[in-house]
Amino acid sequence: MPDFDTVVKAIEACGFDLHVELRSVDHDTVLVRRELAKRPAERLAGLVEAVSAFDAMSVAAHD
C-alpha cells in the first residue's frame, strides 16, 4: 500500500502528471454547515457519542 507521495513519484517516473482536485458535494456542505452552527461543546458531545458507538460496535464484532 504505497502512500500518496510514492504514487505521485511513480506517476511522474512514467512521464505523467497527476492533478488532484478536492470538491465538496452539496450534501457534505450541508452537513459541515450544520456542525459548524453548533456550539463547540455540542460538537464535542457528538464526537464522544460517535466514538462510544464505534467502540461498542468493535466490542460486539469481537464477541
N, C-alpha and C. Protein backbone atom coordinates (compact mmCIF):
# COMPACT_ATOMS: atom_id res chain seq x y z
N MET A 1 0.85 -1.17 0.00
CA MET A 1 0.00 0.00 0.00
C MET A 1 0.90 1.25 0.00
N PRO A 2 1.17 1.79 -1.16
CA PRO A 2 2.04 2.97 -1.21
C PRO A 2 1.31 4.20 -0.66
N ASP A 3 2.10 5.10 -0.10
CA ASP A 3 1.50 6.37 0.34
C ASP A 3 1.34 7.28 -0.87
N PHE A 4 0.68 8.41 -0.67
CA PHE A 4 0.36 9.31 -1.78
C PHE A 4 1.62 9.80 -2.49
N ASP A 5 2.65 10.17 -1.73
CA ASP A 5 3.89 10.67 -2.34
C ASP A 5 4.54 9.62 -3.24
N THR A 6 4.48 8.37 -2.82
CA THR A 6 5.05 7.30 -3.63
C THR A 6 4.28 7.14 -4.93
N VAL A 7 2.97 7.24 -4.85
CA VAL A 7 2.13 7.14 -6.07
C VAL A 7 2.48 8.29 -7.02
N VAL A 8 2.60 9.49 -6.48
CA VAL A 8 2.93 10.65 -7.32
C VAL A 8 4.28 10.44 -8.00
N LYS A 9 5.28 9.98 -7.25
CA LYS A 9 6.61 9.74 -7.84
C LYS A 9 6.56 8.68 -8.93
N ALA A 10 5.78 7.63 -8.71
CA ALA A 10 5.66 6.57 -9.72
C ALA A 10 5.00 7.10 -10.98
N ILE A 11 3.98 7.92 -10.82
CA ILE A 11 3.29 8.50 -11.98
C ILE A 11 4.24 9.41 -12.74
N GLU A 12 5.00 10.24 -12.01
CA GLU A 12 5.95 11.14 -12.66
C GLU A 12 7.06 10.36 -13.36
N ALA A 13 7.49 9.25 -12.75
CA ALA A 13 8.53 8.42 -13.36
C ALA A 13 8.07 7.81 -14.69
N CYS A 14 6.77 7.66 -14.83
CA CYS A 14 6.20 7.14 -16.07
C CYS A 14 5.94 8.25 -17.10
N GLY A 15 6.30 9.49 -16.73
CA GLY A 15 6.13 10.61 -17.66
C GLY A 15 4.77 11.26 -17.62
N PHE A 16 4.02 11.01 -16.57
CA PHE A 16 2.68 11.60 -16.44
C PHE A 16 2.64 12.60 -15.30
N ASP A 17 1.63 13.45 -15.32
CA ASP A 17 1.36 14.37 -14.22
C ASP A 17 0.07 13.96 -13.55
N LEU A 18 0.01 14.16 -12.26
CA LEU A 18 -1.21 13.86 -11.52
C LEU A 18 -1.79 15.17 -11.01
N HIS A 19 -3.03 15.41 -11.34
CA HIS A 19 -3.74 16.59 -10.86
C HIS A 19 -4.88 16.13 -9.98
N VAL A 20 -4.90 16.60 -8.75
CA VAL A 20 -5.92 16.21 -7.79
C VAL A 20 -6.77 17.43 -7.49
N GLU A 21 -8.07 17.23 -7.51
CA GLU A 21 -9.00 18.32 -7.21
C GLU A 21 -9.94 17.84 -6.12
N LEU A 22 -10.00 18.60 -5.04
CA LEU A 22 -10.93 18.28 -3.98
C LEU A 22 -12.20 19.07 -4.20
N ARG A 23 -13.31 18.39 -4.15
CA ARG A 23 -14.59 19.04 -4.35
C ARG A 23 -15.52 18.64 -3.22
N SER A 24 -16.42 19.51 -2.90
CA SER A 24 -17.41 19.13 -1.91
C SER A 24 -18.75 18.93 -2.61
N VAL A 25 -19.45 17.97 -2.14
CA VAL A 25 -20.77 17.68 -2.66
C VAL A 25 -21.75 18.49 -1.81
N ASP A 26 -22.83 18.95 -2.40
CA ASP A 26 -23.78 19.78 -1.67
C ASP A 26 -24.19 19.16 -0.35
N HIS A 27 -24.42 17.85 -0.36
CA HIS A 27 -24.83 17.18 0.86
C HIS A 27 -23.77 17.34 1.95
N ASP A 28 -22.50 17.19 1.57
CA ASP A 28 -21.42 17.33 2.54
C ASP A 28 -21.36 18.76 3.08
N THR A 29 -21.56 19.72 2.21
CA THR A 29 -21.54 21.12 2.63
C THR A 29 -22.64 21.39 3.66
N VAL A 30 -23.80 20.82 3.43
CA VAL A 30 -24.91 20.97 4.37
C VAL A 30 -24.53 20.39 5.72
N LEU A 31 -23.94 19.20 5.71
CA LEU A 31 -23.55 18.56 6.97
C LEU A 31 -22.49 19.37 7.71
N VAL A 32 -21.51 19.89 6.98
CA VAL A 32 -20.46 20.70 7.60
C VAL A 32 -21.06 21.98 8.19
N ARG A 33 -21.91 22.63 7.45
CA ARG A 33 -22.53 23.86 7.97
C ARG A 33 -23.38 23.58 9.20
N ARG A 34 -24.07 22.45 9.19
CA ARG A 34 -24.90 22.07 10.34
C ARG A 34 -24.02 21.89 11.58
N GLU A 35 -22.88 21.23 11.39
CA GLU A 35 -21.98 21.02 12.52
C GLU A 35 -21.37 22.34 13.01
N LEU A 36 -21.01 23.20 12.06
CA LEU A 36 -20.40 24.48 12.44
C LEU A 36 -21.38 25.42 13.13
N ALA A 37 -22.66 25.20 12.92
CA ALA A 37 -23.67 26.02 13.58
C ALA A 37 -23.81 25.66 15.06
N LYS A 38 -23.31 24.49 15.43
CA LYS A 38 -23.40 24.06 16.82
C LYS A 38 -22.30 24.71 17.66
N ARG A 39 -22.56 24.78 18.95
CA ARG A 39 -21.52 25.27 19.86
C ARG A 39 -20.43 24.20 19.95
N PRO A 40 -19.20 24.60 20.27
CA PRO A 40 -18.11 23.62 20.36
C PRO A 40 -18.43 22.46 21.31
N ALA A 41 -19.07 22.76 22.43
CA ALA A 41 -19.41 21.69 23.38
C ALA A 41 -20.39 20.69 22.77
N GLU A 42 -21.30 21.18 21.93
CA GLU A 42 -22.25 20.28 21.26
C GLU A 42 -21.52 19.39 20.25
N ARG A 43 -20.57 19.98 19.52
CA ARG A 43 -19.80 19.19 18.55
C ARG A 43 -18.98 18.13 19.27
N LEU A 44 -18.36 18.51 20.39
CA LEU A 44 -17.56 17.57 21.15
C LEU A 44 -18.42 16.43 21.69
N ALA A 45 -19.59 16.76 22.21
CA ALA A 45 -20.50 15.73 22.72
C ALA A 45 -20.89 14.76 21.61
N GLY A 46 -21.12 15.26 20.42
CA GLY A 46 -21.45 14.40 19.28
C GLY A 46 -20.30 13.48 18.92
N LEU A 47 -19.07 13.99 18.99
CA LEU A 47 -17.90 13.16 18.70
C LEU A 47 -17.74 12.07 19.76
N VAL A 48 -17.93 12.44 21.03
CA VAL A 48 -17.82 11.46 22.11
C VAL A 48 -18.86 10.36 21.92
N GLU A 49 -20.07 10.75 21.55
CA GLU A 49 -21.14 9.77 21.31
C GLU A 49 -20.78 8.85 20.14
N ALA A 50 -20.22 9.42 19.07
CA ALA A 50 -19.84 8.61 17.92
C ALA A 50 -18.73 7.63 18.27
N VAL A 51 -17.74 8.08 19.03
CA VAL A 51 -16.64 7.20 19.43
C VAL A 51 -17.17 6.07 20.30
N SER A 52 -18.08 6.38 21.21
CA SER A 52 -18.68 5.35 22.06
C SER A 52 -19.43 4.32 21.21
N ALA A 53 -20.15 4.78 20.21
CA ALA A 53 -20.88 3.87 19.33
C ALA A 53 -19.92 2.97 18.54
N PHE A 54 -18.84 3.56 18.03
CA PHE A 54 -17.86 2.76 17.30
C PHE A 54 -17.19 1.74 18.21
N ASP A 55 -16.91 2.16 19.44
CA ASP A 55 -16.30 1.25 20.39
C ASP A 55 -17.23 0.08 20.68
N ALA A 56 -18.52 0.36 20.87
CA ALA A 56 -19.49 -0.70 21.12
C ALA A 56 -19.59 -1.65 19.93
N MET A 57 -19.53 -1.11 18.72
CA MET A 57 -19.57 -1.97 17.52
C MET A 57 -18.32 -2.85 17.45
N SER A 58 -17.18 -2.28 17.81
CA SER A 58 -15.92 -3.04 17.78
C SER A 58 -15.97 -4.18 18.78
N VAL A 59 -16.47 -3.91 19.99
CA VAL A 59 -16.57 -4.95 21.01
C VAL A 59 -17.54 -6.04 20.55
N ALA A 60 -18.66 -5.65 19.99
CA ALA A 60 -19.65 -6.63 19.51
C ALA A 60 -19.08 -7.48 18.38
N ALA A 61 -18.27 -6.88 17.53
CA ALA A 61 -17.69 -7.62 16.39
C ALA A 61 -16.68 -8.67 16.86
N HIS A 62 -16.06 -8.42 18.00
CA HIS A 62 -15.04 -9.35 18.50
C HIS A 62 -15.61 -10.40 19.44
N ASP A 63 -16.89 -10.30 19.74
CA ASP A 63 -17.54 -11.30 20.62
C ASP A 63 -18.06 -12.48 19.84
